[in-house]
Every structure is written in structure tokens, then in C-alpha cells.
């Protein structure tokens, strides 16, 4: 990594389910606190605070525990392409350092797709880690969290297909 290059998060996983099923599953996770918490044990709360759920321009609030620290965040949906992508960005003040996030679903056949989660920081890792002591391991913890979200999505959808 270059000295002044920002941090890029990216995790992909193959899922034995259609892109439509993955998109529908993701949408359900954002509708209420219990569905959101079922996705990952570090998820605490989610709710829509402005606009209609999953519409460009709508704003949602989420709480997550990352490495034992509770983060209370607001996000704005920037782009929705049904069955293909959900793009969102964190709101001010973290928008100053955070890049846009995305869930991308790429069909690989009738009942297979790749699910990719992306995000990042505009500042270099060394600078972010030194801004505050709780940031020291947050990059790695966030990458692990993203990976676990993808694995949990895969497990949930593939187990649905077997029942």
C-alpha cells in the first residue's frame, strides 16, 4: 500500500442462490431490528429515518459493535439497482473520511451469484489508526465483519434452498 493511499475494503463470496434471492434477503435485513440482528451478532439496530426504505435518497440509522465499540451511524442510499446493487454512504462527519459502500450482486447462472461488499476510507491506514486509540484495530475488524456478513448471507440462503 502506498503511503498516502486510502483504505479499500472488499470481500466477495460465491452464493448458490439466484441474484434475486440474494437481493430480496438483503432487503429484508434492512427492514427491522430483528432481521438485521439475525444477519450478524454484532448488529444492534437498524431503522429508516427519512424517505421510503431502499430508495435513492432515503436515510437509515444503524448500530453495530465493531471490536467491542458501539457505532451509531446514519447512511444515505445513493443508488439502487434491484437484484444487482445497493450503494450507500455514511453521513457527516464520517463522510469526510469514508468512501461510498456497496453491496454488489453478480449473477453467475440461474441459481448462483457472487456477493461483494465494498467500502473504504479516503485516508491512509497509518493515519486512521493514529487518529484515536479505538481505531488501532478497526480496519482489520471491519474487514472481518464484512467477511462474516457475506458468510452469514451465504449460509442462510443456501440452507433455505435445502429445506
N, C-alpha and C. Protein backbone atom coordinates (compact mmCIF):
# COMPACT_ATOMS: atom_id res chain seq x y z
N UNK A 1 0.84 -1.17 0.00
CA UNK A 1 0.00 0.00 0.00
C UNK A 1 0.89 1.24 0.00
N UNK A 2 0.48 2.21 -0.81
CA UNK A 2 1.24 3.46 -0.87
C UNK A 2 1.03 4.27 0.40
N UNK A 3 1.99 5.08 0.72
CA UNK A 3 1.99 5.85 1.97
C UNK A 3 0.74 6.71 2.16
N UNK A 4 0.21 7.32 1.08
CA UNK A 4 -0.93 8.22 1.21
C UNK A 4 -2.19 7.68 0.55
N UNK A 5 -2.18 6.41 0.20
CA UNK A 5 -3.35 5.78 -0.41
C UNK A 5 -4.39 5.46 0.66
N UNK A 6 -5.66 5.68 0.33
CA UNK A 6 -6.74 5.36 1.24
C UNK A 6 -6.91 3.85 1.39
N UNK A 7 -7.78 3.46 2.30
CA UNK A 7 -8.05 2.06 2.59
C UNK A 7 -9.25 1.61 1.75
N UNK A 8 -9.13 0.45 1.13
CA UNK A 8 -10.23 -0.12 0.37
C UNK A 8 -10.63 -1.45 0.99
N UNK A 9 -11.91 -1.56 1.32
CA UNK A 9 -12.46 -2.82 1.82
C UNK A 9 -13.17 -3.51 0.67
N UNK A 10 -12.97 -4.82 0.55
CA UNK A 10 -13.68 -5.58 -0.49
C UNK A 10 -13.69 -7.04 -0.07
N UNK A 11 -14.88 -7.62 -0.07
CA UNK A 11 -14.99 -9.03 0.22
C UNK A 11 -16.05 -9.63 -0.70
N UNK A 12 -15.71 -10.74 -1.35
CA UNK A 12 -16.63 -11.42 -2.26
C UNK A 12 -16.80 -12.86 -1.84
N UNK A 13 -18.00 -13.39 -2.12
CA UNK A 13 -18.28 -14.79 -1.82
C UNK A 13 -19.27 -15.32 -2.86
N UNK A 14 -19.03 -16.55 -3.27
CA UNK A 14 -19.95 -17.22 -4.20
C UNK A 14 -21.13 -17.75 -3.40
N UNK A 15 -22.35 -17.54 -3.89
CA UNK A 15 -23.55 -17.97 -3.21
C UNK A 15 -24.38 -18.83 -4.16
N UNK A 16 -24.78 -20.01 -3.70
CA UNK A 16 -25.63 -20.88 -4.50
C UNK A 16 -27.09 -20.49 -4.33
N UNK A 17 -27.41 -19.32 -4.87
CA UNK A 17 -28.76 -18.78 -4.87
C UNK A 17 -28.81 -17.74 -6.00
N UNK A 18 -29.99 -17.48 -6.50
CA UNK A 18 -30.13 -16.51 -7.58
C UNK A 18 -29.85 -15.10 -7.06
N UNK A 19 -29.49 -14.21 -7.98
CA UNK A 19 -29.27 -12.81 -7.62
C UNK A 19 -30.54 -12.21 -7.02
N UNK A 20 -31.69 -12.62 -7.51
CA UNK A 20 -32.97 -12.13 -6.99
C UNK A 20 -33.16 -12.53 -5.53
N UNK A 21 -32.82 -13.76 -5.20
CA UNK A 21 -32.96 -14.22 -3.81
C UNK A 21 -31.99 -13.49 -2.88
N UNK A 22 -30.77 -13.26 -3.33
CA UNK A 22 -29.79 -12.53 -2.52
C UNK A 22 -30.27 -11.11 -2.28
N UNK A 23 -30.74 -10.44 -3.32
CA UNK A 23 -31.24 -9.07 -3.19
C UNK A 23 -32.42 -9.01 -2.23
N UNK A 24 -33.37 -9.92 -2.40
CA UNK A 24 -34.54 -9.97 -1.52
C UNK A 24 -34.12 -10.19 -0.06
N UNK A 25 -33.16 -11.10 0.15
CA UNK A 25 -32.67 -11.39 1.51
C UNK A 25 -32.03 -10.14 2.12
N UNK A 26 -31.21 -9.43 1.33
CA UNK A 26 -30.57 -8.21 1.82
C UNK A 26 -31.62 -7.15 2.18
N UNK A 27 -32.60 -7.00 1.33
CA UNK A 27 -33.65 -6.01 1.59
C UNK A 27 -34.38 -6.32 2.89
N UNK A 28 -34.69 -7.58 3.14
CA UNK A 28 -35.37 -7.96 4.38
C UNK A 28 -34.51 -7.64 5.60
N UNK A 29 -33.19 -7.77 5.50
CA UNK A 29 -32.30 -7.49 6.64
C UNK A 29 -32.37 -6.02 7.05
N UNK A 30 -32.74 -5.15 6.13
CA UNK A 30 -32.75 -3.71 6.44
C UNK A 30 -34.12 -3.21 6.92
N UNK A 31 -35.09 -4.08 7.01
CA UNK A 31 -36.45 -3.63 7.32
C UNK A 31 -36.76 -3.51 8.80
N UNK A 32 -36.10 -4.30 9.63
CA UNK A 32 -36.39 -4.20 11.06
C UNK A 32 -35.20 -4.71 11.87
N UNK A 33 -35.22 -4.33 13.12
CA UNK A 33 -34.13 -4.63 14.04
C UNK A 33 -33.85 -6.13 14.15
N UNK A 34 -34.89 -6.94 14.29
CA UNK A 34 -34.68 -8.38 14.47
C UNK A 34 -34.06 -9.04 13.24
N UNK A 35 -34.51 -8.65 12.05
CA UNK A 35 -33.92 -9.20 10.82
C UNK A 35 -32.47 -8.78 10.68
N UNK A 36 -32.19 -7.53 11.03
CA UNK A 36 -30.83 -7.00 10.95
C UNK A 36 -29.92 -7.74 11.93
N UNK A 37 -30.40 -7.93 13.15
CA UNK A 37 -29.60 -8.63 14.17
C UNK A 37 -29.37 -10.09 13.78
N UNK A 38 -30.31 -10.70 13.08
CA UNK A 38 -30.16 -12.10 12.67
C UNK A 38 -29.05 -12.27 11.63
N UNK A 39 -28.70 -11.20 10.92
CA UNK A 39 -27.66 -11.28 9.90
C UNK A 39 -26.28 -11.45 10.53
N UNK A 40 -26.01 -10.72 11.61
CA UNK A 40 -24.68 -10.76 12.21
C UNK A 40 -24.81 -10.47 13.70
N UNK A 41 -24.10 -11.21 14.57
CA UNK A 41 -24.22 -10.99 16.01
C UNK A 41 -23.77 -9.60 16.48
N UNK A 42 -22.99 -8.89 15.67
CA UNK A 42 -22.56 -7.54 16.04
C UNK A 42 -23.56 -6.46 15.64
N UNK A 43 -24.60 -6.83 14.90
CA UNK A 43 -25.62 -5.86 14.53
C UNK A 43 -26.55 -5.62 15.72
N UNK A 44 -26.84 -4.37 15.99
CA UNK A 44 -27.63 -3.99 17.16
C UNK A 44 -28.99 -3.43 16.76
N UNK A 45 -29.02 -2.51 15.79
CA UNK A 45 -30.29 -1.87 15.44
C UNK A 45 -30.21 -1.32 14.02
N UNK A 46 -31.38 -1.20 13.39
CA UNK A 46 -31.50 -0.54 12.09
C UNK A 46 -32.90 0.04 12.00
N UNK A 47 -33.01 1.23 11.41
CA UNK A 47 -34.33 1.80 11.16
C UNK A 47 -34.20 2.90 10.10
N UNK A 48 -35.29 3.06 9.37
CA UNK A 48 -35.34 4.08 8.33
C UNK A 48 -35.81 5.38 8.97
N UNK A 49 -35.08 6.46 8.74
CA UNK A 49 -35.43 7.72 9.41
C UNK A 49 -35.87 8.82 8.43
N UNK A 50 -35.68 8.60 7.13
CA UNK A 50 -36.14 9.58 6.15
C UNK A 50 -36.39 8.88 4.82
N UNK A 51 -37.53 9.13 4.25
CA UNK A 51 -37.86 8.55 2.95
C UNK A 51 -38.34 7.12 3.06
N UNK A 52 -38.61 6.54 1.92
CA UNK A 52 -39.07 5.15 1.83
C UNK A 52 -37.87 4.21 1.88
N UNK A 53 -38.00 3.07 2.56
CA UNK A 53 -36.89 2.12 2.62
C UNK A 53 -36.38 1.73 1.23
N UNK A 54 -35.08 1.64 1.15
CA UNK A 54 -34.38 1.19 -0.05
C UNK A 54 -34.75 1.96 -1.31
N UNK A 55 -34.80 3.28 -1.17
CA UNK A 55 -35.00 4.18 -2.30
C UNK A 55 -33.85 5.17 -2.30
N UNK A 56 -33.36 5.52 -3.48
CA UNK A 56 -32.29 6.51 -3.57
C UNK A 56 -32.71 7.78 -2.84
N UNK A 57 -31.84 8.29 -1.99
CA UNK A 57 -32.11 9.49 -1.21
C UNK A 57 -32.62 9.20 0.20
N UNK A 58 -33.08 7.98 0.45
CA UNK A 58 -33.56 7.62 1.79
C UNK A 58 -32.40 7.50 2.76
N UNK A 59 -32.70 7.71 4.04
CA UNK A 59 -31.67 7.67 5.08
C UNK A 59 -32.03 6.62 6.12
N UNK A 60 -31.04 5.81 6.50
CA UNK A 60 -31.26 4.84 7.56
C UNK A 60 -30.20 5.00 8.64
N UNK A 61 -30.58 4.54 9.83
CA UNK A 61 -29.73 4.59 11.00
C UNK A 61 -29.38 3.16 11.37
N UNK A 62 -28.14 2.90 11.71
CA UNK A 62 -27.72 1.56 12.11
C UNK A 62 -26.75 1.65 13.29
N UNK A 63 -26.82 0.63 14.13
CA UNK A 63 -25.87 0.49 15.23
C UNK A 63 -25.19 -0.85 15.08
N UNK A 64 -23.87 -0.85 15.23
CA UNK A 64 -23.07 -2.08 15.15
C UNK A 64 -21.96 -2.02 16.19
N UNK A 65 -21.64 -3.18 16.71
CA UNK A 65 -20.47 -3.32 17.58
C UNK A 65 -19.31 -3.77 16.71
N UNK A 66 -18.27 -3.01 16.70
CA UNK A 66 -17.05 -3.39 15.98
C UNK A 66 -15.93 -3.43 17.00
N UNK A 67 -15.45 -4.62 17.22
CA UNK A 67 -14.37 -4.84 18.19
C UNK A 67 -14.70 -4.24 19.56
N UNK A 68 -15.96 -4.45 19.98
CA UNK A 68 -16.38 -4.01 21.30
C UNK A 68 -16.81 -2.57 21.41
N UNK A 69 -16.69 -1.79 20.34
CA UNK A 69 -17.12 -0.39 20.35
C UNK A 69 -18.44 -0.26 19.60
N UNK A 70 -19.42 0.41 20.20
CA UNK A 70 -20.71 0.61 19.56
C UNK A 70 -20.63 1.82 18.64
N UNK A 71 -20.98 1.61 17.37
CA UNK A 71 -21.01 2.69 16.40
C UNK A 71 -22.45 2.97 16.03
N UNK A 72 -22.83 4.24 16.13
CA UNK A 72 -24.17 4.71 15.77
C UNK A 72 -24.00 5.55 14.51
N UNK A 73 -24.55 5.05 13.41
CA UNK A 73 -24.24 5.62 12.10
C UNK A 73 -25.50 5.94 11.31
N UNK A 74 -25.42 6.98 10.49
CA UNK A 74 -26.50 7.30 9.57
C UNK A 74 -25.95 7.19 8.15
N UNK A 75 -26.76 6.57 7.28
CA UNK A 75 -26.37 6.34 5.89
C UNK A 75 -27.45 6.84 4.94
N UNK A 76 -27.01 7.25 3.77
CA UNK A 76 -27.94 7.65 2.72
C UNK A 76 -27.80 6.69 1.55
N UNK A 77 -28.93 6.18 1.07
CA UNK A 77 -28.91 5.32 -0.11
C UNK A 77 -28.60 6.21 -1.32
N UNK A 78 -27.59 5.85 -2.07
CA UNK A 78 -27.20 6.66 -3.23
C UNK A 78 -27.63 6.05 -4.55
N UNK A 79 -27.79 4.72 -4.56
CA UNK A 79 -28.19 4.05 -5.81
C UNK A 79 -28.74 2.68 -5.49
N UNK A 80 -29.84 2.34 -6.14
CA UNK A 80 -30.43 1.01 -6.03
C UNK A 80 -30.66 0.48 -7.43
N UNK A 81 -30.14 -0.68 -7.72
CA UNK A 81 -30.45 -1.40 -8.95
C UNK A 81 -30.97 -2.75 -8.48
N UNK A 82 -32.29 -2.94 -8.51
CA UNK A 82 -32.85 -4.19 -7.99
C UNK A 82 -32.14 -5.43 -8.54
N UNK A 83 -31.86 -6.34 -7.64
CA UNK A 83 -31.20 -7.61 -7.95
C UNK A 83 -29.75 -7.47 -8.39
N UNK A 84 -29.17 -6.26 -8.29
CA UNK A 84 -27.78 -6.06 -8.72
C UNK A 84 -26.92 -5.28 -7.74
N UNK A 85 -27.44 -4.17 -7.19
CA UNK A 85 -26.59 -3.39 -6.30
C UNK A 85 -27.39 -2.48 -5.38
N UNK A 86 -26.78 -2.24 -4.22
CA UNK A 86 -27.25 -1.27 -3.25
C UNK A 86 -26.03 -0.45 -2.87
N UNK A 87 -26.09 0.85 -3.13
CA UNK A 87 -24.98 1.74 -2.79
C UNK A 87 -25.45 2.74 -1.75
N UNK A 88 -24.57 3.00 -0.79
CA UNK A 88 -24.93 3.92 0.29
C UNK A 88 -23.66 4.56 0.84
N UNK A 89 -23.85 5.75 1.43
CA UNK A 89 -22.70 6.44 2.01
C UNK A 89 -23.05 6.91 3.41
N UNK A 90 -22.06 6.92 4.25
CA UNK A 90 -22.22 7.39 5.62
C UNK A 90 -22.36 8.91 5.59
N UNK A 91 -23.13 9.44 6.52
CA UNK A 91 -23.35 10.88 6.56
C UNK A 91 -22.30 11.58 7.42
N UNK A 92 -22.27 12.89 7.31
CA UNK A 92 -21.35 13.76 8.04
C UNK A 92 -21.42 13.49 9.54
N UNK A 93 -20.33 13.47 10.25
CA UNK A 93 -18.99 13.92 9.86
C UNK A 93 -18.10 12.81 9.28
N UNK A 94 -18.50 11.55 9.45
CA UNK A 94 -17.64 10.46 8.96
C UNK A 94 -17.52 10.44 7.44
N UNK A 95 -18.44 11.11 6.76
CA UNK A 95 -18.37 11.17 5.29
C UNK A 95 -17.08 11.87 4.83
N UNK A 96 -16.47 12.62 5.72
CA UNK A 96 -15.22 13.29 5.37
C UNK A 96 -14.10 12.29 5.11
N UNK A 97 -14.15 11.13 5.79
CA UNK A 97 -13.07 10.16 5.61
C UNK A 97 -13.53 8.84 4.98
N UNK A 98 -14.84 8.57 4.98
CA UNK A 98 -15.33 7.28 4.47
C UNK A 98 -15.77 7.39 3.01
N UNK A 99 -15.51 6.35 2.24
CA UNK A 99 -15.96 6.30 0.85
C UNK A 99 -17.36 5.70 0.80
N UNK A 100 -17.92 5.66 -0.37
CA UNK A 100 -19.22 5.02 -0.57
C UNK A 100 -19.09 3.52 -0.32
N UNK A 101 -20.14 2.93 0.22
CA UNK A 101 -20.20 1.48 0.43
C UNK A 101 -21.13 0.88 -0.62
N UNK A 102 -20.97 -0.41 -0.88
CA UNK A 102 -21.85 -1.06 -1.85
C UNK A 102 -21.99 -2.54 -1.55
N UNK A 103 -23.16 -3.06 -1.88
CA UNK A 103 -23.41 -4.48 -1.98
C UNK A 103 -23.67 -4.74 -3.45
N UNK A 104 -22.84 -5.56 -4.06
CA UNK A 104 -22.95 -5.84 -5.49
C UNK A 104 -23.25 -7.32 -5.67
N UNK A 105 -24.24 -7.60 -6.50
CA UNK A 105 -24.66 -8.98 -6.76
C UNK A 105 -24.46 -9.25 -8.25
N UNK A 106 -23.59 -10.22 -8.55
CA UNK A 106 -23.30 -10.56 -9.95
C UNK A 106 -23.81 -11.97 -10.24
N UNK A 107 -24.82 -12.09 -11.10
CA UNK A 107 -25.33 -13.42 -11.45
C UNK A 107 -24.26 -14.27 -12.12
N UNK A 108 -24.23 -15.56 -11.78
CA UNK A 108 -23.28 -16.49 -12.38
C UNK A 108 -24.02 -17.67 -13.02
N UNK A 109 -25.31 -17.55 -13.13
CA UNK A 109 -26.14 -18.62 -13.65
C UNK A 109 -27.51 -18.51 -13.00
N UNK A 110 -28.37 -19.48 -13.26
CA UNK A 110 -29.74 -19.41 -12.75
C UNK A 110 -29.80 -19.38 -11.22
N UNK A 111 -29.00 -20.19 -10.56
CA UNK A 111 -29.03 -20.27 -9.10
C UNK A 111 -27.66 -20.08 -8.48
N UNK A 112 -26.93 -19.10 -9.00
CA UNK A 112 -25.60 -18.82 -8.46
C UNK A 112 -25.25 -17.35 -8.72
N UNK A 113 -24.54 -16.78 -7.79
CA UNK A 113 -24.09 -15.40 -7.97
C UNK A 113 -22.90 -15.13 -7.05
N UNK A 114 -22.28 -14.00 -7.30
CA UNK A 114 -21.21 -13.52 -6.42
C UNK A 114 -21.76 -12.32 -5.67
N UNK A 115 -21.61 -12.34 -4.34
CA UNK A 115 -21.99 -11.22 -3.50
C UNK A 115 -20.70 -10.52 -3.08
N UNK A 116 -20.62 -9.23 -3.34
CA UNK A 116 -19.44 -8.45 -2.99
C UNK A 116 -19.85 -7.24 -2.15
N UNK A 117 -19.15 -7.03 -1.05
CA UNK A 117 -19.33 -5.85 -0.22
C UNK A 117 -18.08 -5.00 -0.37
N UNK A 118 -18.27 -3.69 -0.53
CA UNK A 118 -17.14 -2.78 -0.67
C UNK A 118 -17.32 -1.55 0.22
N UNK A 119 -16.24 -0.90 0.49
CA UNK A 119 -16.23 0.33 1.28
C UNK A 119 -14.80 0.81 1.40
N UNK A 120 -14.60 1.78 2.23
CA UNK A 120 -13.23 2.23 2.41
C UNK A 120 -13.10 3.55 3.12
N UNK A 121 -11.87 4.00 3.18
CA UNK A 121 -11.52 5.26 3.82
C UNK A 121 -10.71 6.08 2.82
N UNK A 122 -10.88 7.38 2.86
CA UNK A 122 -10.13 8.27 1.98
C UNK A 122 -8.72 8.53 2.50
N UNK A 123 -8.46 8.16 3.73
CA UNK A 123 -7.16 8.45 4.33
C UNK A 123 -6.35 7.16 4.47
N UNK A 124 -5.05 7.27 4.56
CA UNK A 124 -4.21 6.07 4.69
C UNK A 124 -4.43 5.36 6.03
N UNK A 125 -4.20 4.07 6.02
CA UNK A 125 -4.39 3.24 7.21
C UNK A 125 -3.57 3.76 8.39
N UNK A 126 -2.31 4.13 8.17
CA UNK A 126 -1.46 4.57 9.27
C UNK A 126 -2.03 5.81 9.94
N UNK A 127 -2.63 6.71 9.15
CA UNK A 127 -3.21 7.92 9.72
C UNK A 127 -4.49 7.58 10.50
N UNK A 128 -5.35 6.77 9.91
CA UNK A 128 -6.59 6.39 10.59
C UNK A 128 -6.32 5.72 11.92
N UNK A 129 -5.36 4.79 11.93
CA UNK A 129 -5.03 4.05 13.17
C UNK A 129 -4.53 4.98 14.28
N UNK A 130 -3.96 6.11 13.90
CA UNK A 130 -3.38 7.01 14.89
C UNK A 130 -4.28 8.19 15.27
N UNK A 131 -5.45 8.29 14.65
CA UNK A 131 -6.38 9.37 14.99
C UNK A 131 -6.93 9.18 16.40
N UNK A 132 -7.24 7.94 16.74
CA UNK A 132 -7.84 7.64 18.04
C UNK A 132 -7.46 6.22 18.42
N UNK A 133 -7.25 5.97 19.70
CA UNK A 133 -6.80 4.64 20.13
C UNK A 133 -7.78 3.53 19.77
N UNK A 134 -9.08 3.81 19.70
CA UNK A 134 -10.03 2.76 19.35
C UNK A 134 -9.98 2.40 17.87
N UNK A 135 -9.27 3.19 17.06
CA UNK A 135 -9.13 2.89 15.64
C UNK A 135 -7.97 1.95 15.33
N UNK A 136 -7.15 1.66 16.32
CA UNK A 136 -5.93 0.88 16.08
C UNK A 136 -6.19 -0.42 15.31
N UNK A 137 -7.27 -1.15 15.67
CA UNK A 137 -7.56 -2.43 15.01
C UNK A 137 -8.87 -2.40 14.23
N UNK A 138 -9.45 -1.22 14.03
CA UNK A 138 -10.77 -1.13 13.41
C UNK A 138 -10.75 -1.54 11.94
N UNK A 139 -9.69 -1.28 11.22
CA UNK A 139 -9.63 -1.66 9.80
C UNK A 139 -9.75 -3.17 9.67
N UNK A 140 -8.93 -3.88 10.42
CA UNK A 140 -8.98 -5.35 10.36
C UNK A 140 -10.32 -5.88 10.88
N UNK A 141 -10.85 -5.26 11.93
CA UNK A 141 -12.13 -5.69 12.49
C UNK A 141 -13.27 -5.45 11.49
N UNK A 142 -13.21 -4.34 10.77
CA UNK A 142 -14.23 -4.05 9.76
C UNK A 142 -14.14 -5.04 8.61
N UNK A 143 -12.93 -5.35 8.18
CA UNK A 143 -12.76 -6.34 7.11
C UNK A 143 -13.29 -7.71 7.55
N UNK A 144 -13.04 -8.08 8.77
CA UNK A 144 -13.53 -9.36 9.30
C UNK A 144 -15.06 -9.34 9.37
N UNK A 145 -15.62 -8.24 9.80
CA UNK A 145 -17.07 -8.09 9.89
C UNK A 145 -17.72 -8.25 8.51
N UNK A 146 -17.14 -7.61 7.50
CA UNK A 146 -17.64 -7.73 6.12
C UNK A 146 -17.61 -9.18 5.65
N UNK A 147 -16.51 -9.85 5.92
CA UNK A 147 -16.36 -11.26 5.53
C UNK A 147 -17.42 -12.12 6.21
N UNK A 148 -17.63 -11.89 7.49
CA UNK A 148 -18.63 -12.66 8.24
C UNK A 148 -20.05 -12.38 7.73
N UNK A 149 -20.33 -11.13 7.35
CA UNK A 149 -21.65 -10.83 6.79
C UNK A 149 -21.88 -11.64 5.52
N UNK A 150 -20.88 -11.70 4.65
CA UNK A 150 -21.01 -12.49 3.42
C UNK A 150 -21.19 -13.96 3.71
N UNK A 151 -20.41 -14.49 4.64
CA UNK A 151 -20.53 -15.90 5.01
C UNK A 151 -21.90 -16.20 5.61
N UNK A 152 -22.41 -15.29 6.45
CA UNK A 152 -23.73 -15.49 7.06
C UNK A 152 -24.84 -15.44 6.01
N UNK A 153 -24.72 -14.53 5.05
CA UNK A 153 -25.67 -14.45 3.94
C UNK A 153 -25.68 -15.77 3.17
N UNK A 154 -24.50 -16.24 2.81
CA UNK A 154 -24.36 -17.50 2.06
C UNK A 154 -24.98 -18.67 2.83
N UNK A 155 -24.64 -18.78 4.09
CA UNK A 155 -25.15 -19.88 4.92
C UNK A 155 -26.67 -19.84 5.01
N UNK A 156 -27.22 -18.66 5.24
CA UNK A 156 -28.67 -18.51 5.37
C UNK A 156 -29.39 -18.87 4.07
N UNK A 157 -28.91 -18.35 2.96
CA UNK A 157 -29.59 -18.62 1.69
C UNK A 157 -29.42 -20.04 1.21
N UNK A 158 -28.23 -20.59 1.40
CA UNK A 158 -28.02 -21.97 0.94
C UNK A 158 -28.76 -22.97 1.82
N UNK A 159 -28.94 -22.67 3.11
CA UNK A 159 -29.71 -23.57 3.96
C UNK A 159 -31.19 -23.47 3.64
N UNK A 160 -31.67 -22.30 3.20
CA UNK A 160 -33.06 -22.14 2.75
C UNK A 160 -33.32 -23.02 1.54
N UNK A 161 -32.35 -23.07 0.64
CA UNK A 161 -32.50 -23.87 -0.58
C UNK A 161 -32.59 -25.35 -0.32
N UNK A 162 -32.07 -25.81 0.82
CA UNK A 162 -32.08 -27.24 1.16
C UNK A 162 -33.37 -27.65 1.86
N UNK A 163 -34.10 -26.66 2.39
CA UNK A 163 -35.31 -27.02 3.13
C UNK A 163 -36.54 -27.06 2.27
